[in-house]
């Protein structure tokens, strides 16, 4: 299993040091999120400070950005990392697109599929000199003059990862992407009984397999040096489960366990602005569906029980001041968990 770690995106001056430490500790992937801050710039500092880790935004919101803009970000990050960049894209939900980003919400799965296809067309144009002529329903690209082409890199074209929750987006990811980044709001049963069968069928249609298609995420991890720290981390997860569970688009996860009424109640509370009270609606039994929790010693066993055989990579963070020996031992144990994924296709 591959192990990822998030960068301190709120503090660019800390990104290089954090990236070097993570690489020294054995981390495989460094990620940046797009919540309050830009997801691309922190990865640039990490690219220049490291030599082997994979770099990926988890995830950049696609529709507010033209694919050409993302292609430029990806090309520069891939070049400066010597081929270690993966494009991580997500659609976000309707409300955020229309009301936070002021962009239209139109056929998100089909549109994101075209987004990925158009990125690949741009990459092939720059690397191989193919004429740029992508003509889709939602995106069209046909102009690329020498003045605006960054030219070939002689490196692997950046793989593309898609965030996916619903069936249409999952099928699209299997068809056009190299990796699916599952939402944290997922349970082992949901991934095993809903997500993987959908992906397997679509991958087979596309002549692909899980050996070259990476699955990441699909739940939470609550850990720390002792049980008290684990419980504190789990309480933060309890709020996240309530927050995400209030979104109607994610209710299928609750439905898989026969607790769809909880999603309806959480949605009603969110509409009433009762954010501070929502976490109390998530019982310990529900929380345990979403989280693997254990101190650093024993974390690998908890993660294997929760994620083993269904995902290929997990994300873990350590409390500041955790000894290097503990970090490295924990990461080494996690990496020993068997995984189907063997690497991205050339």
C-alpha atoms as a PDB file:
ATOM      1  CA  UNK A   1       0.000   0.000   0.000  1.00  0.00           C
ATOM      2  CA  UNK A   2       1.206   3.503  -0.800  1.00  0.00           C
ATOM      3  CA  UNK A   3       1.238   6.137   1.936  1.00  0.00           C
ATOM      4  CA  UNK A   4       0.453   9.791   1.298  1.00  0.00           C
ATOM      5  CA  UNK A   5       0.773  12.881   3.436  1.00  0.00           C
ATOM      6  CA  UNK A   6      -0.630  16.375   3.080  1.00  0.00           C
ATOM      7  CA  UNK A   7       1.512  19.479   2.706  1.00  0.00           C
ATOM      8  CA  UNK A   8       1.025  22.560   4.919  1.00  0.00           C
ATOM      9  CA  UNK A   9      -0.661  24.500   2.105  1.00  0.00           C
ATOM     10  CA  UNK A  10      -1.383  27.433   4.400  1.00  0.00           C
ATOM     11  CA  UNK A  11       2.350  28.147   4.834  1.00  0.00           C
ATOM     12  CA  UNK A  12       4.487  28.080   1.690  1.00  0.00           C
ATOM     13  CA  UNK A  13       7.664  28.613   3.721  1.00  0.00           C
ATOM     14  CA  UNK A  14       7.060  25.290   5.492  1.00  0.00           C
ATOM     15  CA  UNK A  15       6.338  23.201   2.391  1.00  0.00           C
ATOM     16  CA  UNK A  16       9.921  22.387   1.368  1.00  0.00           C
ATOM     17  CA  UNK A  17      10.969  21.242   4.848  1.00  0.00           C
ATOM     18  CA  UNK A  18       7.801  19.190   5.303  1.00  0.00           C
ATOM     19  CA  UNK A  19       8.263  17.588   1.892  1.00  0.00           C
ATOM     20  CA  UNK A  20      11.892  16.622   2.570  1.00  0.00           C
ATOM     21  CA  UNK A  21      10.986  15.132   5.942  1.00  0.00           C
ATOM     22  CA  UNK A  22       8.114  13.135   4.460  1.00  0.00           C
ATOM     23  CA  UNK A  23      10.346  11.769   1.710  1.00  0.00           C
ATOM     24  CA  UNK A  24      13.038  10.840   4.247  1.00  0.00           C
ATOM     25  CA  UNK A  25      10.376   9.068   6.329  1.00  0.00           C
ATOM     26  CA  UNK A  26       9.369   6.899   3.377  1.00  0.00           C
ATOM     27  CA  UNK A  27       6.160   8.615   2.272  1.00  0.00           C
ATOM     28  CA  UNK A  28       5.196   7.765  -1.322  1.00  0.00           C
ATOM     29  CA  UNK A  29       2.872  10.661  -2.201  1.00  0.00           C
ATOM     30  CA  UNK A  30       2.594  14.315  -1.169  1.00  0.00           C
ATOM     31  CA  UNK A  31      -0.781  15.982  -1.615  1.00  0.00           C
ATOM     32  CA  UNK A  32      -2.223  19.481  -1.464  1.00  0.00           C
ATOM     33  CA  UNK A  33      -5.879  20.255  -0.911  1.00  0.00           C
ATOM     34  CA  UNK A  34      -8.045  23.028  -2.303  1.00  0.00           C
ATOM     35  CA  UNK A  35     -10.132  24.235   0.603  1.00  0.00           C
ATOM     36  CA  UNK A  36      -8.885  27.665   1.645  1.00  0.00           C
ATOM     37  CA  UNK A  37      -5.745  27.839  -0.506  1.00  0.00           C
ATOM     38  CA  UNK A  38      -4.407  27.243  -4.006  1.00  0.00           C
ATOM     39  CA  UNK A  39      -3.500  23.565  -4.547  1.00  0.00           C
ATOM     40  CA  UNK A  40      -0.737  23.955  -7.140  1.00  0.00           C
ATOM     41  CA  UNK A  41       1.814  26.364  -5.643  1.00  0.00           C
ATOM     42  CA  UNK A  42       2.685  24.294  -2.536  1.00  0.00           C
ATOM     43  CA  UNK A  43       3.533  21.373  -4.820  1.00  0.00           C
ATOM     44  CA  UNK A  44       6.061  23.548  -6.648  1.00  0.00           C
ATOM     45  CA  UNK A  45       8.034  24.046  -3.421  1.00  0.00           C
ATOM     46  CA  UNK A  46       7.788  20.312  -2.732  1.00  0.00           C
ATOM     47  CA  UNK A  47       8.950  19.461  -6.262  1.00  0.00           C
ATOM     48  CA  UNK A  48      12.175  21.410  -5.857  1.00  0.00           C
ATOM     49  CA  UNK A  49      12.874  19.978  -2.389  1.00  0.00           C
ATOM     50  CA  UNK A  50      12.407  16.260  -3.171  1.00  0.00           C
ATOM     51  CA  UNK A  51      13.633  13.583  -5.550  1.00  0.00           C
ATOM     52  CA  UNK A  52      11.289  10.600  -5.452  1.00  0.00           C
ATOM     53  CA  UNK A  53       7.832  11.271  -4.005  1.00  0.00           C
ATOM     54  CA  UNK A  54       4.774  11.593  -6.235  1.00  0.00           C
ATOM     55  CA  UNK A  55       3.056  14.996  -6.149  1.00  0.00           C
ATOM     56  CA  UNK A  56      -0.694  15.405  -6.601  1.00  0.00           C
ATOM     57  CA  UNK A  57      -3.373  18.003  -5.811  1.00  0.00           C
ATOM     58  CA  UNK A  58      -6.145  16.238  -3.920  1.00  0.00           C
ATOM     59  CA  UNK A  59      -8.044  17.667  -5.667  1.00  0.00           C
ATOM     60  CA  UNK A  60      -8.031  20.783  -7.844  1.00  0.00           C
ATOM     61  CA  UNK A  61     -11.556  21.909  -8.663  1.00  0.00           C
ATOM     62  CA  UNK A  62     -11.877  21.545 -12.416  1.00  0.00           C
ATOM     63  CA  UNK A  63     -14.760  23.562 -13.810  1.00  0.00           C
ATOM     64  CA  UNK A  64     -13.706  27.049 -12.609  1.00  0.00           C
ATOM     65  CA  UNK A  65     -10.416  26.492 -14.521  1.00  0.00           C
ATOM     66  CA  UNK A  66      -9.941  25.998 -18.241  1.00  0.00           C
ATOM     67  CA  UNK A  67      -8.215  22.689 -19.062  1.00  0.00           C
ATOM     68  CA  UNK A  68      -5.527  24.770 -20.769  1.00  0.00           C
ATOM     69  CA  UNK A  69      -4.742  26.539 -17.487  1.00  0.00           C
ATOM     70  CA  UNK A  70      -4.507  23.223 -15.637  1.00  0.00           C
ATOM     71  CA  UNK A  71      -2.374  21.789 -18.455  1.00  0.00           C
ATOM     72  CA  UNK A  72       0.144  24.603 -17.965  1.00  0.00           C
ATOM     73  CA  UNK A  73       0.275  24.000 -14.207  1.00  0.00           C
ATOM     74  CA  UNK A  74       0.692  20.268 -14.761  1.00  0.00           C
ATOM     75  CA  UNK A  75       3.390  20.656 -17.420  1.00  0.00           C
ATOM     76  CA  UNK A  76       5.534  22.927 -15.270  1.00  0.00           C
ATOM     77  CA  UNK A  77       5.120  20.806 -12.142  1.00  0.00           C
ATOM     78  CA  UNK A  78       5.885  17.636 -14.072  1.00  0.00           C
ATOM     79  CA  UNK A  79       9.029  19.135 -15.588  1.00  0.00           C
ATOM     80  CA  UNK A  80      10.360  20.548 -12.332  1.00  0.00           C
ATOM     81  CA  UNK A  81       9.674  17.275 -10.508  1.00  0.00           C
ATOM     82  CA  UNK A  82      11.244  15.174 -13.282  1.00  0.00           C
ATOM     83  CA  UNK A  83       8.015  13.357 -14.112  1.00  0.00           C
ATOM     84  CA  UNK A  84       6.578  12.912 -10.607  1.00  0.00           C
ATOM     85  CA  UNK A  85       3.364  14.925 -10.981  1.00  0.00           C
ATOM     86  CA  UNK A  86      -0.161  13.493 -11.142  1.00  0.00           C
ATOM     87  CA  UNK A  87      -3.093  15.737 -12.095  1.00  0.00           C
ATOM     88  CA  UNK A  88      -5.795  15.436  -9.436  1.00  0.00           C
ATOM     89  CA  UNK A  89      -9.194  16.774 -10.491  1.00  0.00           C
ATOM     90  CA  UNK A  90     -12.626  16.995  -8.914  1.00  0.00           C
ATOM     91  CA  UNK A  91     -15.969  18.454  -9.904  1.00  0.00           C
ATOM     92  CA  UNK A  92     -17.187  19.661  -6.477  1.00  0.00           C
ATOM     93  CA  UNK A  93     -20.981  19.818  -6.069  1.00  0.00           C
ATOM     94  CA  UNK A  94     -23.597  21.977  -7.744  1.00  0.00           C
ATOM     95  CA  UNK A  95     -23.966  24.563  -4.982  1.00  0.00           C
ATOM     96  CA  UNK A  96     -20.260  25.351  -4.810  1.00  0.00           C
ATOM     97  CA  UNK A  97     -19.899  25.584  -8.586  1.00  0.00           C
ATOM     98  CA  UNK A  98     -22.856  27.898  -9.025  1.00  0.00           C
ATOM     99  CA  UNK A  99     -22.743  29.938  -5.827  1.00  0.00           C
ATOM    100  CA  UNK A 100     -19.062  29.899  -4.738  1.00  0.00           C
ATOM    101  CA  UNK A 101     -17.282  29.782  -8.091  1.00  0.00           C
ATOM    102  CA  UNK A 102     -20.061  31.296 -10.284  1.00  0.00           C
ATOM    103  CA  UNK A 103     -19.717  28.673 -13.022  1.00  0.00           C
ATOM    104  CA  UNK A 104     -22.532  26.639 -14.601  1.00  0.00           C
ATOM    105  CA  UNK A 105     -23.358  23.118 -13.468  1.00  0.00           C
ATOM    106  CA  UNK A 106     -23.860  21.089 -16.617  1.00  0.00           C
ATOM    107  CA  UNK A 107     -23.613  17.283 -16.957  1.00  0.00           C
ATOM    108  CA  UNK A 108     -20.700  17.029 -14.500  1.00  0.00           C
ATOM    109  CA  UNK A 109     -19.601  13.451 -15.264  1.00  0.00           C
ATOM    110  CA  UNK A 110     -19.655  13.891 -19.032  1.00  0.00           C
ATOM    111  CA  UNK A 111     -18.037  17.287 -18.727  1.00  0.00           C
ATOM    112  CA  UNK A 112     -15.228  16.084 -16.459  1.00  0.00           C
ATOM    113  CA  UNK A 113     -14.653  13.166 -18.814  1.00  0.00           C
ATOM    114  CA  UNK A 114     -14.125  15.611 -21.659  1.00  0.00           C
ATOM    115  CA  UNK A 115     -11.922  17.704 -19.397  1.00  0.00           C
ATOM    116  CA  UNK A 116      -9.575  14.724 -18.933  1.00  0.00           C
ATOM    117  CA  UNK A 117      -9.634  13.862 -22.637  1.00  0.00           C
ATOM    118  CA  UNK A 118      -8.832  17.445 -23.606  1.00  0.00           C
ATOM    119  CA  UNK A 119      -5.925  17.550 -21.129  1.00  0.00           C
ATOM    120  CA  UNK A 120      -4.471  14.456 -22.769  1.00  0.00           C
ATOM    121  CA  UNK A 121      -4.885  16.044 -26.218  1.00  0.00           C
ATOM    122  CA  UNK A 122      -3.014  19.139 -25.033  1.00  0.00           C
ATOM    123  CA  UNK A 123      -0.260  17.000 -23.490  1.00  0.00           C
ATOM    124  CA  UNK A 124       0.164  15.027 -26.737  1.00  0.00           C
ATOM    125  CA  UNK A 125       0.324  18.255 -28.703  1.00  0.00           C
ATOM    126  CA  UNK A 126       3.107  19.614 -26.512  1.00  0.00           C
ATOM    127  CA  UNK A 127       5.081  16.390 -26.187  1.00  0.00           C
ATOM    128  CA  UNK A 128       4.637  14.720 -29.569  1.00  0.00           C
ATOM    129  CA  UNK A 129       3.758  17.634 -31.831  1.00  0.00           C
ATOM    130  CA  UNK A 130       0.262  16.339 -32.589  1.00  0.00           C
ATOM    131  CA  UNK A 131      -2.071  18.927 -34.061  1.00  0.00           C
ATOM    132  CA  UNK A 132      -4.359  20.210 -31.321  1.00  0.00           C
ATOM    133  CA  UNK A 133      -7.899  19.439 -32.399  1.00  0.00           C
ATOM    134  CA  UNK A 134     -10.084  18.318 -29.523  1.00  0.00           C
ATOM    135  CA  UNK A 135     -13.767  18.714 -30.336  1.00  0.00           C
ATOM    136  CA  UNK A 136     -16.134  17.764 -27.534  1.00  0.00           C
ATOM    137  CA  UNK A 137     -19.586  18.910 -26.539  1.00  0.00           C
ATOM    138  CA  UNK A 138     -18.302  20.933 -23.578  1.00  0.00           C
ATOM    139  CA  UNK A 139     -14.684  21.715 -24.544  1.00  0.00           C
ATOM    140  CA  UNK A 140     -13.058  22.518 -27.860  1.00  0.00           C
ATOM    141  CA  UNK A 141      -9.350  23.198 -28.401  1.00  0.00           C
ATOM    142  CA  UNK A 142      -7.867  23.832 -31.848  1.00  0.00           C
ATOM    143  CA  UNK A 143      -5.258  26.587 -31.503  1.00  0.00           C
ATOM    144  CA  UNK A 144      -1.666  26.049 -30.348  1.00  0.00           C
ATOM    145  CA  UNK A 145       1.113  28.107 -31.921  1.00  0.00           C
ATOM    146  CA  UNK A 146       4.845  27.668 -31.151  1.00  0.00           C
ATOM    147  CA  UNK A 147       4.823  30.832 -29.052  1.00  0.00           C
ATOM    148  CA  UNK A 148       2.423  29.223 -26.575  1.00  0.00           C
ATOM    149  CA  UNK A 149       3.627  25.634 -26.543  1.00  0.00           C
ATOM    150  CA  UNK A 150       6.089  24.777 -23.737  1.00  0.00           C
ATOM    151  CA  UNK A 151       7.439  21.969 -25.901  1.00  0.00           C
ATOM    152  CA  UNK A 152       8.396  18.364 -25.103  1.00  0.00           C
ATOM    153  CA  UNK A 153       9.799  17.187 -21.783  1.00  0.00           C
ATOM    154  CA  UNK A 154      10.977  13.666 -22.680  1.00  0.00           C
ATOM    155  CA  UNK A 155       9.152  12.527 -19.539  1.00  0.00           C
ATOM    156  CA  UNK A 156       6.092  10.434 -18.813  1.00  0.00           C
ATOM    157  CA  UNK A 157       2.929  12.379 -19.572  1.00  0.00           C
ATOM    158  CA  UNK A 158       1.264  13.259 -16.269  1.00  0.00           C
ATOM    159  CA  UNK A 159      -1.243  10.608 -15.144  1.00  0.00           C
ATOM    160  CA  UNK A 160      -4.682  11.941 -14.278  1.00  0.00           C
ATOM    161  CA  UNK A 161      -6.678  11.150 -11.147  1.00  0.00           C
ATOM    162  CA  UNK A 162     -10.377  11.924 -10.773  1.00  0.00           C
ATOM    163  CA  UNK A 163     -12.380  12.356  -7.597  1.00  0.00           C
ATOM    164  CA  UNK A 164     -15.602  10.371  -7.824  1.00  0.00           C
ATOM    165  CA  UNK A 165     -18.591   9.562  -5.615  1.00  0.00           C
ATOM    166  CA  UNK A 166     -21.637   8.666  -7.732  1.00  0.00           C
ATOM    167  CA  UNK A 167     -21.968   5.884 -10.333  1.00  0.00           C
ATOM    168  CA  UNK A 168     -21.631   8.114 -13.393  1.00  0.00           C
ATOM    169  CA  UNK A 169     -18.472   9.791 -12.132  1.00  0.00           C
ATOM    170  CA  UNK A 170     -16.983   6.452 -11.055  1.00  0.00           C
ATOM    171  CA  UNK A 171     -17.609   4.971 -14.507  1.00  0.00           C
ATOM    172  CA  UNK A 172     -16.125   8.044 -16.155  1.00  0.00           C
ATOM    173  CA  UNK A 173     -13.008   7.822 -13.994  1.00  0.00           C
ATOM    174  CA  UNK A 174     -12.491   4.173 -14.926  1.00  0.00           C
ATOM    175  CA  UNK A 175     -12.928   4.982 -18.603  1.00  0.00           C
ATOM    176  CA  UNK A 176     -10.712   8.052 -19.000  1.00  0.00           C
ATOM    177  CA  UNK A 177      -8.483   8.436 -15.902  1.00  0.00           C
ATOM    178  CA  UNK A 178      -5.515   6.603 -14.372  1.00  0.00           C
ATOM    179  CA  UNK A 179      -6.693   6.801 -10.793  1.00  0.00           C
ATOM    180  CA  UNK A 180      -9.817   7.422  -8.756  1.00  0.00           C
ATOM    181  CA  UNK A 181      -9.678   9.475  -5.589  1.00  0.00           C
ATOM    182  CA  UNK A 182     -12.572   8.313  -3.469  1.00  0.00           C
ATOM    183  CA  UNK A 183     -14.323  10.706  -1.152  1.00  0.00           C
ATOM    184  CA  UNK A 184     -13.476  10.285   2.535  1.00  0.00           C
ATOM    185  CA  UNK A 185     -17.202   9.878   3.130  1.00  0.00           C
ATOM    186  CA  UNK A 186     -17.171   6.169   2.325  1.00  0.00           C
ATOM    187  CA  UNK A 187     -17.385   2.894   4.214  1.00  0.00           C
ATOM    188  CA  UNK A 188     -15.685  -0.441   3.593  1.00  0.00           C
ATOM    189  CA  UNK A 189     -19.005  -1.989   2.512  1.00  0.00           C
ATOM    190  CA  UNK A 190     -19.786   0.874   0.157  1.00  0.00           C
ATOM    191  CA  UNK A 191     -16.387   0.640  -1.522  1.00  0.00           C
ATOM    192  CA  UNK A 192     -16.421  -3.167  -1.678  1.00  0.00           C
ATOM    193  CA  UNK A 193     -20.031  -3.648  -2.774  1.00  0.00           C
ATOM    194  CA  UNK A 194     -20.734  -0.539  -4.849  1.00  0.00           C
ATOM    195  CA  UNK A 195     -17.545   1.216  -5.938  1.00  0.00           C
ATOM    196  CA  UNK A 196     -15.241  -1.650  -6.904  1.00  0.00           C
ATOM    197  CA  UNK A 197     -17.818  -3.603  -8.971  1.00  0.00           C
ATOM    198  CA  UNK A 198     -18.696  -0.453 -10.922  1.00  0.00           C
ATOM    199  CA  UNK A 199     -15.050   0.307 -11.569  1.00  0.00           C
ATOM    200  CA  UNK A 200     -14.194  -3.305 -12.443  1.00  0.00           C
ATOM    201  CA  UNK A 201     -16.891  -3.512 -15.099  1.00  0.00           C
ATOM    202  CA  UNK A 202     -15.916  -0.203 -16.684  1.00  0.00           C
ATOM    203  CA  UNK A 203     -12.186  -0.932 -16.547  1.00  0.00           C
ATOM    204  CA  UNK A 204     -12.797  -4.229 -18.339  1.00  0.00           C
ATOM    205  CA  UNK A 205     -14.726  -2.435 -21.096  1.00  0.00           C
ATOM    206  CA  UNK A 206     -11.776  -0.063 -21.539  1.00  0.00           C
ATOM    207  CA  UNK A 207      -9.232  -2.899 -21.592  1.00  0.00           C
ATOM    208  CA  UNK A 208      -7.751  -1.759 -18.275  1.00  0.00           C
ATOM    209  CA  UNK A 209      -7.245  -3.385 -14.890  1.00  0.00           C
ATOM    210  CA  UNK A 210      -6.767  -2.470 -11.239  1.00  0.00           C
ATOM    211  CA  UNK A 211      -3.045  -3.250 -11.591  1.00  0.00           C
ATOM    212  CA  UNK A 212      -2.561   0.078 -13.414  1.00  0.00           C
ATOM    213  CA  UNK A 213      -5.508   1.974 -11.943  1.00  0.00           C
ATOM    214  CA  UNK A 214      -4.974   3.363  -8.460  1.00  0.00           C
ATOM    215  CA  UNK A 215      -7.732   3.715  -5.859  1.00  0.00           C
ATOM    216  CA  UNK A 216      -7.053   6.108  -3.009  1.00  0.00           C
ATOM    217  CA  UNK A 217      -9.039   7.351  -0.028  1.00  0.00           C
ATOM    218  CA  UNK A 218     -12.448   5.980   0.831  1.00  0.00           C
ATOM    219  CA  UNK A 219     -12.535   6.723   4.547  1.00  0.00           C
ATOM    220  CA  UNK A 220     -10.764   8.407   7.442  1.00  0.00           C
ATOM    221  CA  UNK A 221      -7.858   7.571   9.733  1.00  0.00           C
ATOM    222  CA  UNK A 222      -7.755   8.696  13.371  1.00  0.00           C
ATOM    223  CA  UNK A 223      -4.396   8.149  15.020  1.00  0.00           C
ATOM    224  CA  UNK A 224      -1.889   9.600  17.451  1.00  0.00           C
ATOM    225  CA  UNK A 225       0.710   8.620  20.044  1.00  0.00           C
ATOM    226  CA  UNK A 226      -1.854   7.350  22.575  1.00  0.00           C
ATOM    227  CA  UNK A 227      -5.549   6.574  23.033  1.00  0.00           C
ATOM    228  CA  UNK A 228      -6.336  10.094  24.194  1.00  0.00           C
ATOM    229  CA  UNK A 229      -4.927  11.526  20.965  1.00  0.00           C
ATOM    230  CA  UNK A 230      -6.783   8.917  18.929  1.00  0.00           C
ATOM    231  CA  UNK A 231     -10.090   9.850  20.553  1.00  0.00           C
ATOM    232  CA  UNK A 232      -9.472  13.540  19.887  1.00  0.00           C
ATOM    233  CA  UNK A 233      -8.776  12.763  16.223  1.00  0.00           C
ATOM    234  CA  UNK A 234     -11.892  10.593  16.045  1.00  0.00           C
ATOM    235  CA  UNK A 235     -14.047  13.454  17.322  1.00  0.00           C
ATOM    236  CA  UNK A 236     -12.840  15.605  14.443  1.00  0.00           C
ATOM    237  CA  UNK A 237     -13.803  12.797  12.077  1.00  0.00           C
ATOM    238  CA  UNK A 238     -17.245  12.616  13.707  1.00  0.00           C
ATOM    239  CA  UNK A 239     -17.852  16.214  12.657  1.00  0.00           C
ATOM    240  CA  UNK A 240     -16.608  15.498   9.107  1.00  0.00           C
ATOM    241  CA  UNK A 241     -18.983  12.541   8.800  1.00  0.00           C
ATOM    242  CA  UNK A 242     -21.866  14.765   9.914  1.00  0.00           C
ATOM    243  CA  UNK A 243     -20.814  17.575   7.590  1.00  0.00           C
ATOM    244  CA  UNK A 244     -20.470  15.360   4.517  1.00  0.00           C
ATOM    245  CA  UNK A 245     -23.468  13.255   5.483  1.00  0.00           C
ATOM    246  CA  UNK A 246     -25.687  16.334   5.253  1.00  0.00           C
ATOM    247  CA  UNK A 247     -25.034  16.506   1.490  1.00  0.00           C
ATOM    248  CA  UNK A 248     -27.842  14.787  -0.472  1.00  0.00           C
ATOM    249  CA  UNK A 249     -25.416  13.708  -3.211  1.00  0.00           C
ATOM    250  CA  UNK A 250     -23.555  11.513  -0.704  1.00  0.00           C
ATOM    251  CA  UNK A 251     -26.607   9.857   0.863  1.00  0.00           C
ATOM    252  CA  UNK A 252     -26.092   6.617  -1.013  1.00  0.00           C
ATOM    253  CA  UNK A 253     -23.337   5.717   1.449  1.00  0.00           C
ATOM    254  CA  UNK A 254     -25.780   5.917   4.373  1.00  0.00           C
ATOM    255  CA  UNK A 255     -28.395   4.039   2.324  1.00  0.00           C
ATOM    256  CA  UNK A 256     -25.979   1.121   1.894  1.00  0.00           C
ATOM    257  CA  UNK A 257     -26.187   0.617   5.666  1.00  0.00           C
ATOM    258  CA  UNK A 258     -29.916   1.314   6.024  1.00  0.00           C
ATOM    259  CA  UNK A 259     -29.422   4.645   7.792  1.00  0.00           C
ATOM    260  CA  UNK A 260     -30.554   7.037   5.060  1.00  0.00           C
ATOM    261  CA  UNK A 261     -32.809   8.800   7.582  1.00  0.00           C
ATOM    262  CA  UNK A 262     -29.672  10.098   9.304  1.00  0.00           C
ATOM    263  CA  UNK A 263     -28.653  11.853   6.091  1.00  0.00           C
ATOM    264  CA  UNK A 264     -32.076  13.470   5.807  1.00  0.00           C
ATOM    265  CA  UNK A 265     -31.898  14.688   9.407  1.00  0.00           C
ATOM    266  CA  UNK A 266     -28.370  16.061   8.950  1.00  0.00           C
ATOM    267  CA  UNK A 267     -29.437  17.880   5.799  1.00  0.00           C
ATOM    268  CA  UNK A 268     -32.349  19.485   7.639  1.00  0.00           C
ATOM    269  CA  UNK A 269     -30.025  20.576  10.429  1.00  0.00           C
ATOM    270  CA  UNK A 270     -27.540  22.077   7.967  1.00  0.00           C
ATOM    271  CA  UNK A 271     -30.317  24.075   6.327  1.00  0.00           C
ATOM    272  CA  UNK A 272     -31.276  25.370   9.751  1.00  0.00           C
ATOM    273  CA  UNK A 273     -27.673  26.382  10.458  1.00  0.00           C
ATOM    274  CA  UNK A 274     -27.301  23.888  13.305  1.00  0.00           C
ATOM    275  CA  UNK A 275     -23.715  23.015  12.391  1.00  0.00           C
ATOM    276  CA  UNK A 276     -22.517  22.779  15.997  1.00  0.00           C
ATOM    277  CA  UNK A 277     -25.122  20.159  16.894  1.00  0.00           C
ATOM    278  CA  UNK A 278     -24.785  17.865  13.893  1.00  0.00           C
ATOM    279  CA  UNK A 279     -21.820  15.793  15.105  1.00  0.00           C
ATOM    280  CA  UNK A 280     -23.846  14.548  18.086  1.00  0.00           C
ATOM    281  CA  UNK A 281     -26.158  12.767  15.652  1.00  0.00           C
ATOM    282  CA  UNK A 282     -23.287  10.488  14.548  1.00  0.00           C
ATOM    283  CA  UNK A 283     -23.132   7.565  16.974  1.00  0.00           C
ATOM    284  CA  UNK A 284     -19.970   5.576  17.682  1.00  0.00           C
ATOM    285  CA  UNK A 285     -21.339   2.701  15.593  1.00  0.00           C
ATOM    286  CA  UNK A 286     -21.801   4.999  12.595  1.00  0.00           C
ATOM    287  CA  UNK A 287     -18.430   6.635  13.150  1.00  0.00           C
ATOM    288  CA  UNK A 288     -16.693   3.255  13.094  1.00  0.00           C
ATOM    289  CA  UNK A 289     -18.100   2.591   9.621  1.00  0.00           C
ATOM    290  CA  UNK A 290     -16.010   5.464   8.287  1.00  0.00           C
ATOM    291  CA  UNK A 291     -12.785   5.475  10.283  1.00  0.00           C
ATOM    292  CA  UNK A 292      -9.791   3.297  11.076  1.00  0.00           C
ATOM    293  CA  UNK A 293      -8.584   4.349  14.501  1.00  0.00           C
ATOM    294  CA  UNK A 294      -5.597   3.217  16.524  1.00  0.00           C
ATOM    295  CA  UNK A 295      -2.392   4.635  18.038  1.00  0.00           C
ATOM    296  CA  UNK A 296       0.673   4.660  15.788  1.00  0.00           C
ATOM    297  CA  UNK A 297       1.603   1.270  17.236  1.00  0.00           C
ATOM    298  CA  UNK A 298      -1.155  -0.907  15.828  1.00  0.00           C
ATOM    299  CA  UNK A 299      -2.276   1.512  13.125  1.00  0.00           C
ATOM    300  CA  UNK A 300      -1.215  -0.785  10.288  1.00  0.00           C
ATOM    301  CA  UNK A 301      -3.446  -3.559  11.642  1.00  0.00           C
ATOM    302  CA  UNK A 302      -6.427  -1.191  11.901  1.00  0.00           C
ATOM    303  CA  UNK A 303      -5.838   0.171   8.412  1.00  0.00           C
ATOM    304  CA  UNK A 304      -5.495  -3.304   6.896  1.00  0.00           C
ATOM    305  CA  UNK A 305      -8.763  -4.371   8.539  1.00  0.00           C
ATOM    306  CA  UNK A 306     -10.553  -1.256   7.248  1.00  0.00           C
ATOM    307  CA  UNK A 307      -8.885  -0.713   3.859  1.00  0.00           C
ATOM    308  CA  UNK A 308      -6.989  -3.875   2.987  1.00  0.00           C
ATOM    309  CA  UNK A 309      -7.828  -5.253  -0.440  1.00  0.00           C
ATOM    310  CA  UNK A 310     -10.118  -2.394  -1.447  1.00  0.00           C
ATOM    311  CA  UNK A 311      -7.836   0.655  -1.831  1.00  0.00           C
ATOM    312  CA  UNK A 312      -4.200   1.126  -2.814  1.00  0.00           C
ATOM    313  CA  UNK A 313      -3.175   4.226  -0.859  1.00  0.00           C
ATOM    314  CA  UNK A 314      -4.051   5.906   2.419  1.00  0.00           C
ATOM    315  CA  UNK A 315      -3.172   9.260   3.933  1.00  0.00           C
ATOM    316  CA  UNK A 316      -1.665   9.614   7.401  1.00  0.00           C
ATOM    317  CA  UNK A 317      -0.453  12.599   9.406  1.00  0.00           C
ATOM    318  CA  UNK A 318       1.593  12.707  12.591  1.00  0.00           C
ATOM    319  CA  UNK A 319       1.368  14.906  15.658  1.00  0.00           C
ATOM    320  CA  UNK A 320       4.089  17.545  15.672  1.00  0.00           C
ATOM    321  CA  UNK A 321       7.093  16.314  17.602  1.00  0.00           C
ATOM    322  CA  UNK A 322       6.547  12.627  16.828  1.00  0.00           C
ATOM    323  CA  UNK A 323      10.020  10.971  16.825  1.00  0.00           C
ATOM    324  CA  UNK A 324      11.400  10.080  13.404  1.00  0.00           C
ATOM    325  CA  UNK A 325      11.705   6.437  14.413  1.00  0.00           C
ATOM    326  CA  UNK A 326       7.980   6.282  15.185  1.00  0.00           C
ATOM    327  CA  UNK A 327       7.007   8.014  11.935  1.00  0.00           C
ATOM    328  CA  UNK A 328       9.220   5.765   9.838  1.00  0.00           C
ATOM    329  CA  UNK A 329       8.174   2.592  11.610  1.00  0.00           C
ATOM    330  CA  UNK A 330       4.490   3.423  11.191  1.00  0.00           C
ATOM    331  CA  UNK A 331       4.898   4.259   7.510  1.00  0.00           C
ATOM    332  CA  UNK A 332       6.957   1.136   6.862  1.00  0.00           C
ATOM    333  CA  UNK A 333       4.259  -1.029   8.462  1.00  0.00           C
ATOM    334  CA  UNK A 334       1.522   0.609   6.376  1.00  0.00           C
ATOM    335  CA  UNK A 335       3.493   0.079   3.171  1.00  0.00           C
ATOM    336  CA  UNK A 336       3.619  -3.675   3.850  1.00  0.00           C
ATOM    337  CA  UNK A 337      -0.173  -3.956   3.484  1.00  0.00           C
ATOM    338  CA  UNK A 338      -0.831  -5.790   0.165  1.00  0.00           C
ATOM    339  CA  UNK A 339      -2.163  -3.745  -2.737  1.00  0.00           C
ATOM    340  CA  UNK A 340      -3.355  -4.616  -6.242  1.00  0.00           C
ATOM    341  CA  UNK A 341      -1.935  -1.466  -7.874  1.00  0.00           C
ATOM    342  CA  UNK A 342       1.462  -1.996  -9.539  1.00  0.00           C
ATOM    343  CA  UNK A 343       2.015   1.416 -11.131  1.00  0.00           C
ATOM    344  CA  UNK A 344       0.610   3.683 -13.813  1.00  0.00           C
ATOM    345  CA  UNK A 345       0.738   2.417 -17.375  1.00  0.00           C
ATOM    346  CA  UNK A 346       3.474   4.003 -19.461  1.00  0.00           C
END
